[in-house]
Protein backbone atom coordinates (compact mmCIF):
# COMPACT_ATOMS: atom_id res chain seq x y z
CA MET A 1 161.80 125.75 6.93
CA ALA A 2 164.08 123.53 4.85
CA GLU A 3 161.33 120.94 4.57
CA SER A 4 157.61 121.23 5.22
CA GLY A 5 154.29 119.48 4.74
CA ALA A 6 153.97 115.73 4.18
CA PRO A 7 157.70 115.02 3.50
CA CYS A 8 158.59 116.65 6.82
CA ALA A 9 155.80 114.73 8.58
CA ARG A 10 156.98 111.41 7.14
CA ARG A 11 160.44 112.05 8.52
CA ALA A 12 159.04 112.98 11.95
CA TRP A 13 156.78 109.91 11.95
CA ALA A 14 159.67 107.60 11.06
CA ALA A 15 161.70 108.97 13.95
CA LEU A 16 158.78 108.56 16.37
CA THR A 17 157.86 105.02 15.39
CA ALA A 18 161.48 103.87 15.58
CA THR A 19 161.00 104.01 19.36
CA PRO A 20 160.71 100.34 20.48
CA SER A 21 158.15 101.08 23.20
CA ILE A 22 155.60 102.28 20.62
CA ARG A 23 153.91 99.12 19.38
CA ASN A 24 151.15 100.77 17.36
CA ALA A 25 150.26 104.29 16.37
CA VAL A 26 148.11 106.33 14.00
CA VAL A 27 147.98 109.97 12.97
CA GLN A 28 145.82 111.97 10.59
CA VAL A 29 146.30 115.61 9.60
CA CYS A 30 143.61 117.39 7.62
CA ASP A 31 142.74 120.87 6.41
CA PRO A 32 139.65 122.85 7.53
CA LYS A 33 137.52 121.10 4.87
CA GLY A 34 138.59 117.66 6.05
CA GLU A 35 140.92 116.96 3.15
CA THR A 36 143.82 114.74 4.22
CA LEU A 37 147.22 116.40 4.35
CA PHE A 38 149.01 113.45 5.94
CA GLU A 39 148.14 110.13 7.52
CA ALA A 40 150.26 107.27 8.74
CA VAL A 41 150.01 104.08 10.79
CA HIS A 42 152.48 101.86 12.60
CA GLY A 43 152.48 98.37 14.04
CA LEU A 44 149.71 96.01 15.04
CA ALA A 45 146.40 97.11 16.52
CA ARG A 46 146.06 93.58 17.93
CA PRO A 47 148.29 90.54 17.37
CA ASP A 48 146.28 89.53 14.29
CA ALA A 49 145.37 92.99 12.96
CA PRO A 50 147.68 95.59 11.39
CA MET A 51 146.96 99.16 12.51
CA THR A 52 144.85 101.18 10.06
CA VAL A 53 143.85 104.83 9.94
CA SER A 54 140.27 103.81 10.79
CA HIS A 55 141.16 101.84 13.91
CA ARG A 56 139.44 102.93 17.10
CA PHE A 57 141.43 103.71 20.22
CA HIS A 58 140.78 104.80 23.80
CA LEU A 59 140.82 108.59 23.99
CA ALA A 60 141.42 108.99 27.73
CA SER A 61 141.23 112.70 28.59
CA VAL A 62 140.68 113.83 25.00
CA ALA A 63 137.05 112.95 25.75
CA LYS A 64 136.87 115.75 28.32
CA THR A 65 136.29 118.14 25.42
CA MET A 66 133.22 116.08 24.53
CA THR A 67 131.94 116.18 28.11
CA ALA A 68 132.43 119.95 28.15
CA THR A 69 130.58 120.28 24.83
CA LEU A 70 127.64 118.37 26.28
CA LEU A 71 127.55 120.59 29.40
CA LEU A 72 127.67 123.76 27.28
CA GLN A 73 124.81 122.48 25.12
CA LEU A 74 122.74 121.98 28.26
CA ALA A 75 123.70 125.46 29.48
CA GLU A 76 122.48 126.95 26.20
CA GLU A 77 119.13 125.27 26.80
CA GLY A 78 118.81 126.87 30.23
CA ALA A 79 119.35 123.65 32.16
CA PHE A 80 121.48 125.40 34.78
CA GLY A 81 119.39 128.54 35.13
CA ALA A 82 120.33 132.15 34.57
CA LYS A 83 123.86 131.69 35.90
CA GLY A 84 124.65 128.93 33.43
CA ILE A 85 128.06 127.39 34.09
CA ASP A 86 128.63 129.87 36.92
CA ALA A 87 125.89 128.14 38.90
CA ALA A 88 126.94 126.26 42.03
CA TYR A 89 127.17 122.50 41.51
CA ALA A 90 125.55 121.89 44.90
CA GLY A 91 122.28 123.41 43.71
CA PHE A 92 121.32 120.55 41.39
CA GLY A 93 120.85 117.71 43.87
CA VAL A 94 123.30 115.28 42.30
CA PHE A 95 124.30 114.26 45.83
CA SER A 96 122.58 114.44 49.18
CA PRO A 97 123.61 117.52 51.21
CA ASP A 98 125.86 115.54 53.54
CA ILE A 99 127.69 113.80 50.67
CA MET A 100 127.96 117.07 48.75
CA ALA A 101 129.59 118.74 51.73
CA ARG A 102 132.27 116.04 51.77
CA LEU A 103 133.42 116.56 48.16
CA HIS A 104 135.69 119.47 49.11
CA ARG A 105 137.08 119.71 52.62
CA ARG A 106 140.20 121.60 53.52
CA ASP A 107 141.52 121.79 57.06
CA GLY A 108 138.21 120.31 58.17
CA VAL A 109 136.14 123.04 56.50
CA SER A 110 133.85 122.27 53.56
CA LEU A 111 133.81 124.66 50.63
CA ALA A 112 131.96 122.26 48.34
CA HIS A 113 128.94 124.57 48.18
CA THR A 114 131.06 127.24 46.43
CA ILE A 115 132.23 125.01 43.56
CA THR A 116 130.71 126.10 40.24
CA LEU A 117 130.45 124.26 36.95
CA ARG A 118 133.08 126.64 35.56
CA HIS A 119 135.49 125.58 38.32
CA LEU A 120 135.03 121.94 37.34
CA LEU A 121 135.35 122.65 33.61
CA THR A 122 138.59 124.59 34.12
CA HIS A 123 140.17 122.32 36.76
CA THR A 124 140.07 125.10 39.35
CA SER A 125 137.69 123.48 41.86
CA GLY A 126 140.53 122.71 44.27
CA ILE A 127 139.65 119.02 44.51
CA ARG A 128 142.21 116.30 43.96
CA ASP A 129 142.24 113.80 41.11
CA ALA A 130 141.14 110.36 42.30
CA MET A 131 142.87 108.80 39.28
CA GLU A 132 146.39 110.09 40.08
CA ASP A 133 146.32 111.62 43.60
CA ASP A 134 145.73 110.18 47.02
CA ALA A 135 145.22 112.01 50.30
CA ASN A 136 148.96 112.51 50.82
CA THR A 137 150.59 112.63 47.38
CA LEU A 138 149.93 114.44 44.10
CA GLY A 139 150.39 112.47 40.90
CA GLY A 140 152.95 109.84 40.22
CA PRO A 141 150.43 108.16 40.25
CA ALA A 142 150.13 108.17 44.02
CA PRO A 143 149.99 104.76 45.78
CA GLY A 144 146.45 105.30 47.07
CA SER A 145 145.06 106.60 43.77
CA LEU A 146 142.99 104.47 41.47
CA ILE A 147 145.69 104.29 38.76
CA GLY A 148 148.29 103.60 41.43
CA ALA A 149 146.31 100.62 42.65
CA ILE A 150 145.85 99.29 39.12
CA ARG A 151 149.57 99.60 38.30
CA SER A 152 150.49 97.77 41.46
CA GLY A 153 148.49 94.76 40.28
CA LYS A 154 145.65 94.95 42.78
CA SER A 155 142.20 93.58 41.99
CA GLU A 156 141.02 97.05 40.94
CA ALA A 157 142.51 96.38 37.49
CA ALA A 158 139.79 94.06 36.22
CA ARG A 159 136.85 95.49 38.18
CA PHE A 160 134.01 97.24 36.37
CA TRP A 161 134.05 100.72 37.87
CA ARG A 162 130.84 102.68 38.22
CA PRO A 163 131.16 106.44 38.58
CA TRP A 164 129.10 106.57 41.79
CA SER A 165 127.10 104.14 43.90
CA PRO A 166 124.90 106.14 46.30
CA GLU A 167 123.68 103.02 48.10
CA ARG A 168 127.25 102.27 49.29
CA PRO A 169 128.88 105.66 49.85
CA GLU A 170 131.57 104.35 52.23
CA ASP A 171 132.64 101.42 50.04
CA ALA A 172 135.79 102.47 48.19
CA SER A 173 135.31 99.68 45.66
CA ALA A 174 131.74 100.64 44.75
CA GLY A 175 132.58 103.56 42.44
CA VAL A 176 135.15 106.20 41.60
CA ILE A 177 133.48 108.93 43.67
CA ASN A 178 133.03 106.40 46.47
CA LEU A 179 136.80 105.80 46.45
CA PHE A 180 137.36 109.58 46.40
CA LEU A 181 135.28 109.94 49.57
CA ALA A 182 136.13 106.76 51.45
CA THR A 183 139.93 106.96 51.17
CA GLY A 184 140.25 110.55 52.38
CA ILE A 185 141.17 112.11 49.03
CA ALA A 186 138.18 114.44 49.23
CA ASP A 187 139.24 115.57 52.70
CA ALA A 188 142.56 116.86 51.37
CA ALA A 189 141.36 119.56 48.99
CA LEU A 190 144.26 121.61 47.65
CA SER A 191 142.84 125.11 47.48
CA ASP A 192 139.73 127.23 47.70
CA PRO A 193 137.58 126.88 44.57
CA GLY A 194 138.62 129.24 41.79
CA THR A 195 142.09 130.08 43.13
CA ARG A 196 144.47 127.67 41.35
CA PHE A 197 144.71 125.05 38.61
CA HIS A 198 144.98 121.37 39.44
CA TYR A 199 144.06 118.80 36.79
CA SER A 200 141.24 116.63 38.09
CA ASP A 201 139.43 113.77 36.39
CA THR A 202 137.18 113.76 39.45
CA GLY A 203 135.67 117.07 38.37
CA PHE A 204 134.65 115.67 34.99
CA MET A 205 133.12 112.61 36.64
CA LEU A 206 130.98 115.07 38.61
CA LEU A 207 130.02 116.94 35.43
CA ALA A 208 128.88 113.76 33.67
CA LEU A 209 126.81 112.80 36.73
CA LEU A 210 125.23 116.26 36.58
CA ALA A 211 124.30 115.80 32.92
CA GLU A 212 122.55 112.53 33.81
CA LYS A 213 120.73 114.13 36.75
CA ILE A 214 119.51 117.10 34.69
CA THR A 215 118.33 115.11 31.67
CA GLY A 216 117.33 111.75 33.11
CA GLN A 217 119.39 110.08 30.37
CA SER A 218 122.61 108.12 30.62
CA TYR A 219 125.88 109.84 29.80
CA GLY A 220 126.55 107.42 26.93
CA VAL A 221 123.18 108.09 25.32
CA LEU A 222 123.64 111.86 25.71
CA LEU A 223 126.98 111.75 23.92
CA HIS A 224 125.55 109.54 21.19
CA GLU A 225 122.39 111.55 20.55
CA ARG A 226 123.82 115.05 20.91
CA ILE A 227 127.31 114.71 19.42
CA PHE A 228 128.25 111.42 17.78
CA ALA A 229 125.09 110.67 15.76
CA PRO A 230 124.58 114.26 14.46
CA LEU A 231 128.18 114.30 13.20
CA GLY A 232 127.99 110.82 11.71
CA LEU A 233 130.68 109.42 14.02
CA ALA A 234 129.58 105.81 13.72
CA ASP A 235 132.82 104.50 15.21
CA THR A 236 132.65 106.63 18.35
CA TYR A 237 131.03 105.57 21.62
CA LEU A 238 131.37 105.47 25.40
CA ALA A 239 133.22 102.30 26.36
CA TYR A 240 131.93 100.15 29.24
CA ARG A 241 128.53 101.82 29.00
CA CYS A 242 125.68 100.43 31.04
CA ASP A 243 123.05 101.17 28.39
CA PRO A 244 122.72 99.25 25.12
CA LEU A 245 123.25 101.20 21.91
CA ASP A 246 122.99 99.90 18.37
CA LEU A 247 126.47 100.74 17.14
CA GLY A 248 126.23 98.62 14.01
CA PRO A 249 128.92 96.14 12.95
CA LYS A 250 132.37 96.70 14.37
CA ARG A 251 134.59 96.83 11.28
CA THR A 252 137.85 96.72 13.26
CA PRO A 253 138.72 95.91 16.89
CA GLU A 254 139.78 98.57 19.35
CA SER A 255 143.54 98.90 19.11
CA GLU A 256 145.63 97.74 22.04
CA PHE A 257 146.62 100.28 24.68
CA TRP A 258 149.93 99.69 26.46
CA SER A 259 151.18 100.69 29.90
CA ASP A 260 154.93 100.19 29.66
CA ASP A 261 155.15 96.52 28.58
CA LEU A 262 151.61 95.56 29.67
CA PRO A 263 148.93 95.26 26.94
CA LEU A 264 145.96 96.48 28.96
CA LEU A 265 143.08 95.19 26.84
CA GLU A 266 144.59 91.73 26.24
CA SER A 267 145.38 91.53 29.97
CA GLY A 268 141.77 92.16 30.94
CA VAL A 269 142.35 95.56 32.52
CA SER A 270 139.09 97.50 32.69
CA LEU A 271 139.30 101.14 31.66
CA SER A 272 135.76 101.74 32.92
CA PHE A 273 137.02 104.15 35.59
CA ASP A 274 137.61 106.85 32.94
CA TRP A 275 133.89 107.40 32.15
CA GLY A 276 133.11 111.15 32.15
CA GLY A 277 136.80 112.01 32.41
CA GLY A 278 137.85 110.06 29.33
CA GLY A 279 135.86 106.90 28.59
CA VAL A 280 135.23 107.40 24.88
CA VAL A 281 136.58 105.26 22.02
CA SER A 282 137.01 106.80 18.56
CA SER A 283 139.35 107.05 15.55
CA ALA A 284 141.74 109.73 14.32
CA LEU A 285 139.40 110.48 11.42
CA SER A 286 136.43 110.99 13.72
CA LEU A 287 138.39 113.10 16.20
CA ASN A 288 139.35 115.51 13.44
CA ARG A 289 135.72 115.59 12.28
CA PHE A 290 134.54 116.34 15.83
CA LEU A 291 137.04 119.14 16.41
CA ARG A 292 136.35 120.71 13.00
CA ALA A 293 132.63 120.72 13.76
CA LEU A 294 133.16 122.06 17.27
CA LEU A 295 135.36 124.97 16.18
CA ALA A 296 133.03 125.75 13.28
CA GLY A 297 130.19 126.21 15.78
CA GLU A 298 128.16 123.24 14.48
CA LEU A 299 127.51 121.82 17.96
CA PHE A 300 126.18 125.01 19.59
CA LYS A 301 123.22 127.25 18.93
CA SER A 302 125.19 130.42 19.59
CA ARG A 303 128.66 131.52 18.51
CA GLY A 304 128.89 133.07 21.97
CA THR A 305 129.00 129.59 23.50
CA LEU A 306 132.03 128.65 21.44
CA ALA A 307 133.66 131.98 22.32
CA ALA A 308 133.11 131.23 26.01
CA MET A 309 134.61 127.77 25.58
CA LEU A 310 137.73 129.31 24.03
CA SER A 311 138.04 132.18 26.51
CA TRP A 312 141.47 131.39 27.92
CA ALA A 313 142.28 131.70 31.62
CA THR A 314 145.77 131.44 33.12
CA PRO A 315 145.20 130.44 36.75
CA PRO A 316 148.16 129.94 39.11
CA ASN A 317 149.81 126.52 38.73
CA LEU A 318 149.04 126.19 35.01
CA GLU A 319 152.32 125.01 33.50
CA PRO A 320 153.84 124.83 29.98
CA PRO A 321 153.20 123.69 27.36
CA ARG A 322 149.70 124.75 28.48
CA THR A 323 149.36 128.51 28.08
CA GLY A 324 145.63 128.78 28.73
CA VAL A 325 142.70 126.72 29.95
CA GLY A 326 139.24 127.06 28.45
CA LEU A 327 136.12 125.01 29.13
CA GLY A 328 137.27 121.44 28.58
CA VAL A 329 140.02 122.53 26.20
CA PHE A 330 143.58 123.84 26.41
CA ARG A 331 145.74 126.31 24.52
CA THR A 332 149.29 124.99 24.24
CA ALA A 333 152.52 126.28 22.72
CA MET A 334 155.96 124.90 22.03
CA ASN A 335 158.81 126.27 19.92
CA GLY A 336 156.61 129.02 18.55
CA VAL A 337 153.80 126.70 17.43
CA GLU A 338 150.36 127.12 19.05
CA LEU A 339 147.77 124.35 19.24
CA ILE A 340 144.35 124.17 20.89
CA GLY A 341 142.66 120.93 21.88
CA HIS A 342 143.32 118.11 24.33
CA SER A 343 145.69 115.23 25.10
CA GLY A 344 145.01 111.91 26.77
CA ALA A 345 147.12 109.72 29.07
CA SER A 346 146.72 106.90 26.54
CA GLY A 347 148.91 108.85 24.11
CA ALA A 348 145.88 110.23 22.26
CA LYS A 349 145.92 113.73 20.75
CA MET A 350 143.30 116.04 19.22
CA PHE A 351 144.48 119.51 18.22
CA HIS A 352 143.93 122.44 15.87
CA ALA A 353 146.57 124.95 14.78
CA PRO A 354 144.89 128.38 14.57
CA ARG A 355 147.67 129.84 12.43
CA GLY A 356 148.28 126.82 10.23
CA GLY A 357 144.58 126.05 9.93
CA PHE A 358 145.06 122.29 10.13
CA PHE A 359 143.82 119.59 12.50
CA ILE A 360 145.90 116.73 13.89
CA SER A 361 144.60 113.67 15.76
CA GLY A 362 145.94 110.25 16.60
CA THR A 363 147.53 108.10 19.27
CA ILE A 364 150.65 106.17 20.18
CA ASN A 365 148.58 103.94 22.51
CA GLN A 366 151.28 104.06 25.18
CA SER A 367 150.77 105.68 28.57
CA SER A 368 154.51 106.03 29.18
CA GLY A 369 155.41 107.21 25.68
CA PRO A 370 156.56 110.71 24.68
CA GLY A 371 153.78 113.13 25.56
CA ASP A 372 154.98 115.62 22.97
CA TRP A 373 154.99 113.24 19.99
CA HIS A 374 152.58 115.36 17.94
CA TRP A 375 154.67 118.56 17.99
CA PRO A 376 157.32 117.56 15.39
CA ILE A 377 154.52 116.61 12.99
CA ALA A 378 152.51 119.78 13.68
CA ARG A 379 155.55 121.95 13.03
CA CYS A 380 155.64 120.65 9.47
CA TRP A 381 152.70 122.92 8.61
CA VAL A 382 153.53 125.95 10.75
CA GLU A 383 156.48 128.29 10.42
CA PRO A 384 157.60 128.84 14.03
CA THR A 385 157.53 132.43 15.27
CA GLY A 386 159.89 132.13 18.22
CA GLY A 387 160.87 130.04 21.20
CA ARG A 388 158.79 127.94 23.50
CA SER A 389 155.91 129.88 25.06
């Protein structure tokens, strides 16, 4: 490479942040010991606050890796029995039998009883994504999806969304799983469980509900006590939580998250619908700390658990740059550079380069921004080995 390391990253960062649609951004690259290799910020976190490297931001789907870590911790403790994550979700009584049967119906036949925790963790359950899909359309987001409704300016935007309200199962406004059931999305399952990949936030909502059912504790408390507090991530928490936690003084506000030209937080949009699929707020520094600890085995009792998490599957319909799906984590590759970790629809990134040894986390806080913004920076520490994988 003609240029590498921090000088290369500064050039890539300057090119990225010259994009007018990116109002604020932060990135931090560190080595395996946590020593900073490169960090940079851009713009205003809020109108009266310049962006800093310690600013918190909404992680969106990056938090799925945290949900998966929590589920694997519970599996290590025997919470799911001898089958562990290969146990059937229906066996744990999260939903009544009739509601459970409705979670996956295809051509009028329910296969919900065959969905395992592994299917949910690897997005191979066959169920649609209530965030982006509706009963007739995949992604877009679809008009009848939750995100579709929010973008169209409906009242869903400011509503506090619970994950599930069992007392009002047919009320689409009562909770995310309620919407999934009441609007017919659940009745349009895409495939038999275990046969193909389809990204689904719904599955991770179900996993977080399972963690609460098994432990009797709230999802926010579980994340705090099992992951955030042990790692000293004082700036990391579940947003829109229902349970009070003493988070200490907030040194900086959450940075603004934009959808095209709409500042979501200033506009009063509630991101509470993300919850188990991506409801965590953190900083670039803390994300790198979390991923370093995770890949070092600090969050599991057994190295075998980490190996299982990083056992890559390539189910049908998995598309580049993803080259493998693990348990709440992805292997990705572009232009000969391989990264493992997770992205979020908010523009958030959390990745590790196995060959380069470094960690890169940050956000551009823009849902419609370039989804590949981290690759030019990552390439500054990895000599490419070939073309796009």
